[in-house]
Amino acid sequence: ASLIKQICDREQLLLAVAESVSVGHLQSLLAATPGAST
């Protein structure tokens, strides 16, 4: 998640998640990254 954040920040990319079977776990992993709101 930290590496994804670095790449997204550098490339000015925004990310969103649609979950069914993983019921929010993926969102939780991304949101746990310091500075995730960027």
All heavy atoms as atom14 arrays in JSON, in Angstrom:
{
  "sequence": "ASLIKQICDREQLLLAVAESVSVGHLQSLLAATPGAST",
  "atom14_mask": [
    [1, 1, 1, 1, 1, 0, 0, 0, 0, 0, 0, 0, 0, 0],
    [1, 1, 1, 1, 1, 1, 0, 0, 0, 0, 0, 0, 0, 0],
    [1, 1, 1, 1, 1, 1, 1, 1, 0, 0, 0, 0, 0, 0],
    [1, 1, 1, 1, 1, 1, 1, 1, 0, 0, 0, 0, 0, 0],
    [1, 1, 1, 1, 1, 1, 1, 1, 1, 0, 0, 0, 0, 0],
    [1, 1, 1, 1, 1, 1, 1, 1, 1, 0, 0, 0, 0, 0],
    [1, 1, 1, 1, 1, 1, 1, 1, 0, 0, 0, 0, 0, 0],
    [1, 1, 1, 1, 1, 1, 0, 0, 0, 0, 0, 0, 0, 0],
    [1, 1, 1, 1, 1, 1, 1, 1, 0, 0, 0, 0, 0, 0],
    [1, 1, 1, 1, 1, 1, 1, 1, 1, 1, 1, 0, 0, 0],
    [1, 1, 1, 1, 1, 1, 1, 1, 1, 0, 0, 0, 0, 0],
    [1, 1, 1, 1, 1, 1, 1, 1, 1, 0, 0, 0, 0, 0],
    [1, 1, 1, 1, 1, 1, 1, 1, 0, 0, 0, 0, 0, 0],
    [1, 1, 1, 1, 1, 1, 1, 1, 0, 0, 0, 0, 0, 0],
    [1, 1, 1, 1, 1, 1, 1, 1, 0, 0, 0, 0, 0, 0],
    [1, 1, 1, 1, 1, 0, 0, 0, 0, 0, 0, 0, 0, 0],
    [1, 1, 1, 1, 1, 1, 1, 0, 0, 0, 0, 0, 0, 0],
    [1, 1, 1, 1, 1, 0, 0, 0, 0, 0, 0, 0, 0, 0],
    [1, 1, 1, 1, 1, 1, 1, 1, 1, 0, 0, 0, 0, 0],
    [1, 1, 1, 1, 1, 1, 0, 0, 0, 0, 0, 0, 0, 0],
    [1, 1, 1, 1, 1, 1, 1, 0, 0, 0, 0, 0, 0, 0],
    [1, 1, 1, 1, 1, 1, 0, 0, 0, 0, 0, 0, 0, 0],
    [1, 1, 1, 1, 1, 1, 1, 0, 0, 0, 0, 0, 0, 0],
    [1, 1, 1, 1, 0, 0, 0, 0, 0, 0, 0, 0, 0, 0],
    [1, 1, 1, 1, 1, 1, 1, 1, 1, 1, 0, 0, 0, 0],
    [1, 1, 1, 1, 1, 1, 1, 1, 0, 0, 0, 0, 0, 0],
    [1, 1, 1, 1, 1, 1, 1, 1, 1, 0, 0, 0, 0, 0],
    [1, 1, 1, 1, 1, 1, 0, 0, 0, 0, 0, 0, 0, 0],
    [1, 1, 1, 1, 1, 1, 1, 1, 0, 0, 0, 0, 0, 0],
    [1, 1, 1, 1, 1, 1, 1, 1, 0, 0, 0, 0, 0, 0],
    [1, 1, 1, 1, 1, 0, 0, 0, 0, 0, 0, 0, 0, 0],
    [1, 1, 1, 1, 1, 0, 0, 0, 0, 0, 0, 0, 0, 0],
    [1, 1, 1, 1, 1, 1, 1, 0, 0, 0, 0, 0, 0, 0],
    [1, 1, 1, 1, 1, 1, 1, 0, 0, 0, 0, 0, 0, 0],
    [1, 1, 1, 1, 0, 0, 0, 0, 0, 0, 0, 0, 0, 0],
    [1, 1, 1, 1, 1, 0, 0, 0, 0, 0, 0, 0, 0, 0],
    [1, 1, 1, 1, 1, 1, 0, 0, 0, 0, 0, 0, 0, 0],
    [1, 1, 1, 1, 1, 1, 1, 0, 0, 0, 0, 0, 0, 0]
  ],
  "atom14_positions": [
    [[0.83, -1.21, 0.0], [0.0, 0.0, 0.0], [0.86, 1.26, 0.0], [0.53, 2.24, -0.68], [-0.95, -0.02, 1.19], [0.0, 0.0, 0.0], [0.0, 0.0, 0.0], [0.0, 0.0, 0.0], [0.0, 0.0, 0.0], [0.0, 0.0, 0.0], [0.0, 0.0, 0.0], [0.0, 0.0, 0.0], [0.0, 0.0, 0.0], [0.0, 0.0, 0.0]],
    [[1.97, 1.24, 0.72], [2.87, 2.39, 0.76], [3.49, 2.65, -0.61], [3.59, 3.81, -1.04], [3.96, 2.15, 1.81], [4.84, 3.24, 1.85], [0.0, 0.0, 0.0], [0.0, 0.0, 0.0], [0.0, 0.0, 0.0], [0.0, 0.0, 0.0], [0.0, 0.0, 0.0], [0.0, 0.0, 0.0], [0.0, 0.0, 0.0], [0.0, 0.0, 0.0]],
    [[3.89, 1.6, -1.3], [4.46, 1.76, -2.64], [3.4, 2.26, -3.62], [3.67, 3.14, -4.46], [5.07, 0.45, -3.14], [5.79, 0.53, -4.48], [6.89, 1.59, -4.47], [6.38, -0.81, -4.83], [0.0, 0.0, 0.0], [0.0, 0.0, 0.0], [0.0, 0.0, 0.0], [0.0, 0.0, 0.0], [0.0, 0.0, 0.0], [0.0, 0.0, 0.0]],
    [[2.18, 1.75, -3.51], [1.08, 2.23, -4.36], [0.87, 3.72, -4.12], [0.71, 4.5, -5.06], [-0.2, 1.41, -4.09], [-0.03, -0.02, -4.6], [-1.42, 2.09, -4.71], [-1.05, -1.0, -4.07], [0.0, 0.0, 0.0], [0.0, 0.0, 0.0], [0.0, 0.0, 0.0], [0.0, 0.0, 0.0], [0.0, 0.0, 0.0], [0.0, 0.0, 0.0]],
    [[0.89, 4.15, -2.86], [0.74, 5.56, -2.53], [1.84, 6.39, -3.17], [1.58, 7.43, -3.78], [0.75, 5.78, -1.02], [0.65, 7.26, -0.63], [1.09, 7.49, 0.8], [0.99, 8.93, 1.24], [1.57, 9.93, 0.36], [0.0, 0.0, 0.0], [0.0, 0.0, 0.0], [0.0, 0.0, 0.0], [0.0, 0.0, 0.0], [0.0, 0.0, 0.0]],
    [[3.09, 5.94, -3.06], [4.22, 6.68, -3.65], [4.03, 6.86, -5.15], [4.24, 7.96, -5.68], [5.53, 5.95, -3.38], [5.99, 5.97, -1.95], [7.23, 5.11, -1.75], [8.05, 4.97, -2.65], [7.35, 4.51, -0.58], [0.0, 0.0, 0.0], [0.0, 0.0, 0.0], [0.0, 0.0, 0.0], [0.0, 0.0, 0.0], [0.0, 0.0, 0.0]],
    [[3.65, 5.79, -5.83], [3.47, 5.87, -7.28], [2.29, 6.78, -7.62], [2.39, 7.63, -8.51], [3.29, 4.46, -7.89], [4.58, 3.65, -7.72], [2.88, 4.55, -9.36], [4.45, 2.18, -8.04], [0.0, 0.0, 0.0], [0.0, 0.0, 0.0], [0.0, 0.0, 0.0], [0.0, 0.0, 0.0], [0.0, 0.0, 0.0], [0.0, 0.0, 0.0]],
    [[1.18, 6.61, -6.93], [0.01, 7.46, -7.19], [0.33, 8.93, -6.94], [-0.04, 9.79, -7.75], [-1.18, 7.03, -6.33], [-2.0, 5.54, -6.9], [0.0, 0.0, 0.0], [0.0, 0.0, 0.0], [0.0, 0.0, 0.0], [0.0, 0.0, 0.0], [0.0, 0.0, 0.0], [0.0, 0.0, 0.0], [0.0, 0.0, 0.0], [0.0, 0.0, 0.0]],
    [[1.02, 9.22, -5.86], [1.39, 10.61, -5.57], [2.3, 11.17, -6.66], [2.09, 12.29, -7.14], [2.06, 10.71, -4.2], [1.1, 10.56, -3.04], [-0.13, 10.55, -3.26], [1.6, 10.43, -1.89], [0.0, 0.0, 0.0], [0.0, 0.0, 0.0], [0.0, 0.0, 0.0], [0.0, 0.0, 0.0], [0.0, 0.0, 0.0], [0.0, 0.0, 0.0]],
    [[3.29, 10.41, -7.05], [4.23, 10.86, -8.08], [3.54, 11.08, -9.42], [3.79, 12.08, -10.11], [5.36, 9.84, -8.25], [6.44, 10.31, -9.24], [7.46, 9.23, -9.54], [6.83, 8.18, -10.33], [7.07, 6.88, -10.19], [7.9, 6.44, -9.28], [6.45, 6.0, -10.96], [0.0, 0.0, 0.0], [0.0, 0.0, 0.0], [0.0, 0.0, 0.0]],
    [[2.63, 10.18, -9.78], [1.95, 10.24, -11.08], [0.64, 11.03, -11.02], [-0.04, 11.15, -12.03], [1.66, 8.82, -11.59], [2.9, 7.96, -11.78], [3.81, 8.48, -12.88], [3.31, 9.01, -13.9], [5.05, 8.34, -12.72], [0.0, 0.0, 0.0], [0.0, 0.0, 0.0], [0.0, 0.0, 0.0], [0.0, 0.0, 0.0], [0.0, 0.0, 0.0]],
    [[0.3, 11.53, -9.85], [-0.94, 12.28, -9.62], [-2.17, 11.45, -10.03], [-3.04, 11.91, -10.77], [-0.91, 13.62, -10.34], [0.21, 14.51, -9.83], [0.25, 15.86, -10.5], [-0.13, 16.01, -11.66], [0.68, 16.86, -9.76], [0.0, 0.0, 0.0], [0.0, 0.0, 0.0], [0.0, 0.0, 0.0], [0.0, 0.0, 0.0], [0.0, 0.0, 0.0]],
    [[-2.21, 10.24, -9.5], [-3.3, 9.32, -9.76], [-4.17, 9.17, -8.52], [-3.66, 9.2, -7.4], [-2.76, 7.94, -10.15], [-1.89, 7.89, -11.41], [-1.2, 6.54, -11.51], [-2.73, 8.18, -12.64], [0.0, 0.0, 0.0], [0.0, 0.0, 0.0], [0.0, 0.0, 0.0], [0.0, 0.0, 0.0], [0.0, 0.0, 0.0], [0.0, 0.0, 0.0]],
    [[-5.46, 9.0, -8.75], [-6.4, 8.73, -7.67], [-6.98, 7.34, -7.85], [-7.15, 6.86, -8.98], [-7.52, 9.77, -7.67], [-7.06, 11.22, -7.48], [-8.25, 12.17, -7.64], [-6.37, 11.41, -6.15], [0.0, 0.0, 0.0], [0.0, 0.0, 0.0], [0.0, 0.0, 0.0], [0.0, 0.0, 0.0], [0.0, 0.0, 0.0], [0.0, 0.0, 0.0]],
    [[-7.32, 6.71, -6.74], [-7.72, 5.31, -6.72], [-9.0, 5.14, -5.91], [-9.19, 5.83, -4.9], [-6.58, 4.52, -6.06], [-6.75, 3.05, -5.8], [-6.4, 2.28, -7.07], [-5.84, 2.61, -4.68], [0.0, 0.0, 0.0], [0.0, 0.0, 0.0], [0.0, 0.0, 0.0], [0.0, 0.0, 0.0], [0.0, 0.0, 0.0], [0.0, 0.0, 0.0]],
    [[-9.87, 4.22, -6.35], [-11.06, 3.83, -5.59], [-11.24, 2.32, -5.71], [-10.71, 1.68, -6.63], [-12.29, 4.57, -6.09], [0.0, 0.0, 0.0], [0.0, 0.0, 0.0], [0.0, 0.0, 0.0], [0.0, 0.0, 0.0], [0.0, 0.0, 0.0], [0.0, 0.0, 0.0], [0.0, 0.0, 0.0], [0.0, 0.0, 0.0], [0.0, 0.0, 0.0]],
    [[-12.02, 1.76, -4.8], [-12.16, 0.31, -4.7], [-13.65, -0.07, -4.67], [-14.44, 0.58, -3.99], [-11.49, -0.2, -3.4], [-11.74, -1.67, -3.19], [-10.0, 0.1, -3.43], [0.0, 0.0, 0.0], [0.0, 0.0, 0.0], [0.0, 0.0, 0.0], [0.0, 0.0, 0.0], [0.0, 0.0, 0.0], [0.0, 0.0, 0.0], [0.0, 0.0, 0.0]],
    [[-13.99, -1.14, -5.4], [-15.32, -1.75, -5.33], [-15.13, -3.17, -4.82], [-14.44, -3.97, -5.45], [-15.98, -1.75, -6.7], [0.0, 0.0, 0.0], [0.0, 0.0, 0.0], [0.0, 0.0, 0.0], [0.0, 0.0, 0.0], [0.0, 0.0, 0.0], [0.0, 0.0, 0.0], [0.0, 0.0, 0.0], [0.0, 0.0, 0.0], [0.0, 0.0, 0.0]],
    [[-15.73, -3.47, -3.69], [-15.55, -4.78, -3.09], [-16.88, -5.49, -2.93], [-17.89, -4.88, -2.62], [-14.9, -4.67, -1.72], [-13.49, -4.12, -1.77], [-12.85, -4.06, -0.41], [-12.32, -5.11, 0.03], [-12.89, -2.98, 0.21], [0.0, 0.0, 0.0], [0.0, 0.0, 0.0], [0.0, 0.0, 0.0], [0.0, 0.0, 0.0], [0.0, 0.0, 0.0]],
    [[-16.82, -6.79, -3.09], [-17.94, -7.65, -2.74], [-17.42, -8.67, -1.75], [-17.51, -8.46, -0.54], [-18.52, -8.32, -3.99], [-19.66, -9.07, -3.65], [0.0, 0.0, 0.0], [0.0, 0.0, 0.0], [0.0, 0.0, 0.0], [0.0, 0.0, 0.0], [0.0, 0.0, 0.0], [0.0, 0.0, 0.0], [0.0, 0.0, 0.0], [0.0, 0.0, 0.0]],
    [[-16.75, -9.69, -2.22], [-16.28, -10.77, -1.35], [-15.27, -10.31, -0.3], [-15.23, -10.85, 0.8], [-15.7, -11.94, -2.18], [-14.4, -11.54, -2.87], [-15.5, -13.18, -1.33], [0.0, 0.0, 0.0], [0.0, 0.0, 0.0], [0.0, 0.0, 0.0], [0.0, 0.0, 0.0], [0.0, 0.0, 0.0], [0.0, 0.0, 0.0], [0.0, 0.0, 0.0]],
    [[-14.49, -9.3, -0.58], [-13.48, -8.85, 0.4], [-14.05, -7.83, 1.38], [-13.34, -7.36, 2.28], [-12.24, -8.31, -0.31], [-12.57, -7.33, -1.27], [0.0, 0.0, 0.0], [0.0, 0.0, 0.0], [0.0, 0.0, 0.0], [0.0, 0.0, 0.0], [0.0, 0.0, 0.0], [0.0, 0.0, 0.0], [0.0, 0.0, 0.0], [0.0, 0.0, 0.0]],
    [[-15.31, -7.5, 1.26], [-16.14, -6.72, 2.2], [-15.43, -5.61, 2.97], [-15.61, -5.47, 4.18], [-16.9, -7.64, 3.18], [-17.92, -8.48, 2.45], [-15.96, -8.5, 3.99], [0.0, 0.0, 0.0], [0.0, 0.0, 0.0], [0.0, 0.0, 0.0], [0.0, 0.0, 0.0], [0.0, 0.0, 0.0], [0.0, 0.0, 0.0], [0.0, 0.0, 0.0]],
    [[-14.64, -4.8, 2.29], [-14.01, -3.66, 2.94], [-12.58, -3.88, 3.39], [-11.91, -2.92, 3.78], [0.0, 0.0, 0.0], [0.0, 0.0, 0.0], [0.0, 0.0, 0.0], [0.0, 0.0, 0.0], [0.0, 0.0, 0.0], [0.0, 0.0, 0.0], [0.0, 0.0, 0.0], [0.0, 0.0, 0.0], [0.0, 0.0, 0.0], [0.0, 0.0, 0.0]],
    [[-12.1, -5.1, 3.34], [-10.73, -5.36, 3.78], [-9.7, -4.64, 2.9], [-8.7, -4.14, 3.41], [-10.44, -6.86, 3.81], [-11.16, -7.6, 4.88], [-10.83, -7.51, 6.21], [-12.21, -8.45, 4.82], [-11.64, -8.26, 6.93], [-12.5, -8.85, 6.11], [0.0, 0.0, 0.0], [0.0, 0.0, 0.0], [0.0, 0.0, 0.0], [0.0, 0.0, 0.0]],
    [[-9.94, -4.59, 1.6], [-9.02, -3.9, 0.7], [-9.01, -2.39, 0.99], [-7.95, -1.76, 1.05], [-9.39, -4.18, -0.76], [-8.49, -3.58, -1.84], [-7.02, -3.92, -1.62], [-8.94, -4.08, -3.21], [0.0, 0.0, 0.0], [0.0, 0.0, 0.0], [0.0, 0.0, 0.0], [0.0, 0.0, 0.0], [0.0, 0.0, 0.0], [0.0, 0.0, 0.0]],
    [[-10.19, -1.82, 1.2], [-10.27, -0.41, 1.56], [-9.52, -0.15, 2.85], [-8.81, 0.86, 2.99], [-11.73, 0.02, 1.72], [-12.51, -0.03, 0.42], [-13.97, 0.22, 0.65], [-14.34, 1.33, 1.0], [-14.8, -0.8, 0.46], [0.0, 0.0, 0.0], [0.0, 0.0, 0.0], [0.0, 0.0, 0.0], [0.0, 0.0, 0.0], [0.0, 0.0, 0.0]],
    [[-9.66, -1.04, 3.8], [-8.99, -0.89, 5.09], [-7.47, -0.9, 4.93], [-6.76, -0.11, 5.57], [-9.44, -2.0, 6.04], [-8.81, -1.89, 7.28], [0.0, 0.0, 0.0], [0.0, 0.0, 0.0], [0.0, 0.0, 0.0], [0.0, 0.0, 0.0], [0.0, 0.0, 0.0], [0.0, 0.0, 0.0], [0.0, 0.0, 0.0], [0.0, 0.0, 0.0]],
    [[-6.96, -1.8, 4.1], [-5.51, -1.86, 3.87], [-4.98, -0.56, 3.25], [-3.94, -0.05, 3.65], [-5.16, -3.05, 2.97], [-5.36, -4.44, 3.58], [-5.24, -5.51, 2.5], [-4.37, -4.68, 4.7], [0.0, 0.0, 0.0], [0.0, 0.0, 0.0], [0.0, 0.0, 0.0], [0.0, 0.0, 0.0], [0.0, 0.0, 0.0], [0.0, 0.0, 0.0]],
    [[-5.71, -0.04, 2.27], [-5.28, 1.21, 1.64], [-5.39, 2.39, 2.6], [-4.49, 3.22, 2.67], [-6.1, 1.46, 0.37], [-5.8, 0.52, -0.78], [-6.9, 0.59, -1.84], [-4.44, 0.81, -1.38], [0.0, 0.0, 0.0], [0.0, 0.0, 0.0], [0.0, 0.0, 0.0], [0.0, 0.0, 0.0], [0.0, 0.0, 0.0], [0.0, 0.0, 0.0]],
    [[-6.47, 2.44, 3.36], [-6.69, 3.55, 4.28], [-5.72, 3.53, 5.46], [-5.49, 4.57, 6.09], [-8.13, 3.54, 4.78], [0.0, 0.0, 0.0], [0.0, 0.0, 0.0], [0.0, 0.0, 0.0], [0.0, 0.0, 0.0], [0.0, 0.0, 0.0], [0.0, 0.0, 0.0], [0.0, 0.0, 0.0], [0.0, 0.0, 0.0], [0.0, 0.0, 0.0]],
    [[-5.13, 2.39, 5.75], [-4.16, 2.29, 6.85], [-2.81, 2.91, 6.49], [-1.97, 3.13, 7.36], [-3.96, 0.82, 7.23], [0.0, 0.0, 0.0], [0.0, 0.0, 0.0], [0.0, 0.0, 0.0], [0.0, 0.0, 0.0], [0.0, 0.0, 0.0], [0.0, 0.0, 0.0], [0.0, 0.0, 0.0], [0.0, 0.0, 0.0], [0.0, 0.0, 0.0]],
    [[-2.61, 3.23, 5.23], [-1.37, 3.83, 4.77], [-1.3, 5.29, 5.23], [-2.23, 6.05, 4.97], [-1.3, 3.79, 3.23], [-1.51, 2.46, 2.8], [0.04, 4.29, 2.72], [0.0, 0.0, 0.0], [0.0, 0.0, 0.0], [0.0, 0.0, 0.0], [0.0, 0.0, 0.0], [0.0, 0.0, 0.0], [0.0, 0.0, 0.0], [0.0, 0.0, 0.0]],
    [[-0.23, 5.69, 5.91], [-0.11, 7.1, 6.31], [-0.23, 8.02, 5.09], [0.4, 7.78, 4.06], [1.29, 7.18, 6.94], [1.56, 5.78, 7.41], [0.9, 4.89, 6.4], [0.0, 0.0, 0.0], [0.0, 0.0, 0.0], [0.0, 0.0, 0.0], [0.0, 0.0, 0.0], [0.0, 0.0, 0.0], [0.0, 0.0, 0.0], [0.0, 0.0, 0.0]],
    [[-1.07, 9.02, 5.19], [-1.28, 9.97, 4.09], [-2.16, 9.42, 2.98], [-2.14, 9.94, 1.86], [0.0, 0.0, 0.0], [0.0, 0.0, 0.0], [0.0, 0.0, 0.0], [0.0, 0.0, 0.0], [0.0, 0.0, 0.0], [0.0, 0.0, 0.0], [0.0, 0.0, 0.0], [0.0, 0.0, 0.0], [0.0, 0.0, 0.0], [0.0, 0.0, 0.0]],
    [[-2.97, 8.42, 3.27], [-3.79, 7.76, 2.25], [-4.71, 8.72, 1.51], [-5.03, 8.49, 0.34], [-4.61, 6.63, 2.87], [0.0, 0.0, 0.0], [0.0, 0.0, 0.0], [0.0, 0.0, 0.0], [0.0, 0.0, 0.0], [0.0, 0.0, 0.0], [0.0, 0.0, 0.0], [0.0, 0.0, 0.0], [0.0, 0.0, 0.0], [0.0, 0.0, 0.0]],
    [[-5.11, 9.78, 2.15], [-6.06, 10.7, 1.51], [-5.48, 11.41, 0.29], [-6.23, 11.98, -0.5], [-6.57, 11.74, 2.51], [-5.5, 12.55, 2.96], [0.0, 0.0, 0.0], [0.0, 0.0, 0.0], [0.0, 0.0, 0.0], [0.0, 0.0, 0.0], [0.0, 0.0, 0.0], [0.0, 0.0, 0.0], [0.0, 0.0, 0.0], [0.0, 0.0, 0.0]],
    [[-4.18, 11.33, 0.08], [-3.59, 11.95, -1.11], [-3.86, 11.16, -2.38], [-3.77, 11.71, -3.47], [-2.06, 12.13, -0.97], [-1.44, 10.84, -0.87], [-1.71, 13.0, 0.23], [0.0, 0.0, 0.0], [0.0, 0.0, 0.0], [0.0, 0.0, 0.0], [0.0, 0.0, 0.0], [0.0, 0.0, 0.0], [0.0, 0.0, 0.0], [0.0, 0.0, 0.0]]
  ]
}
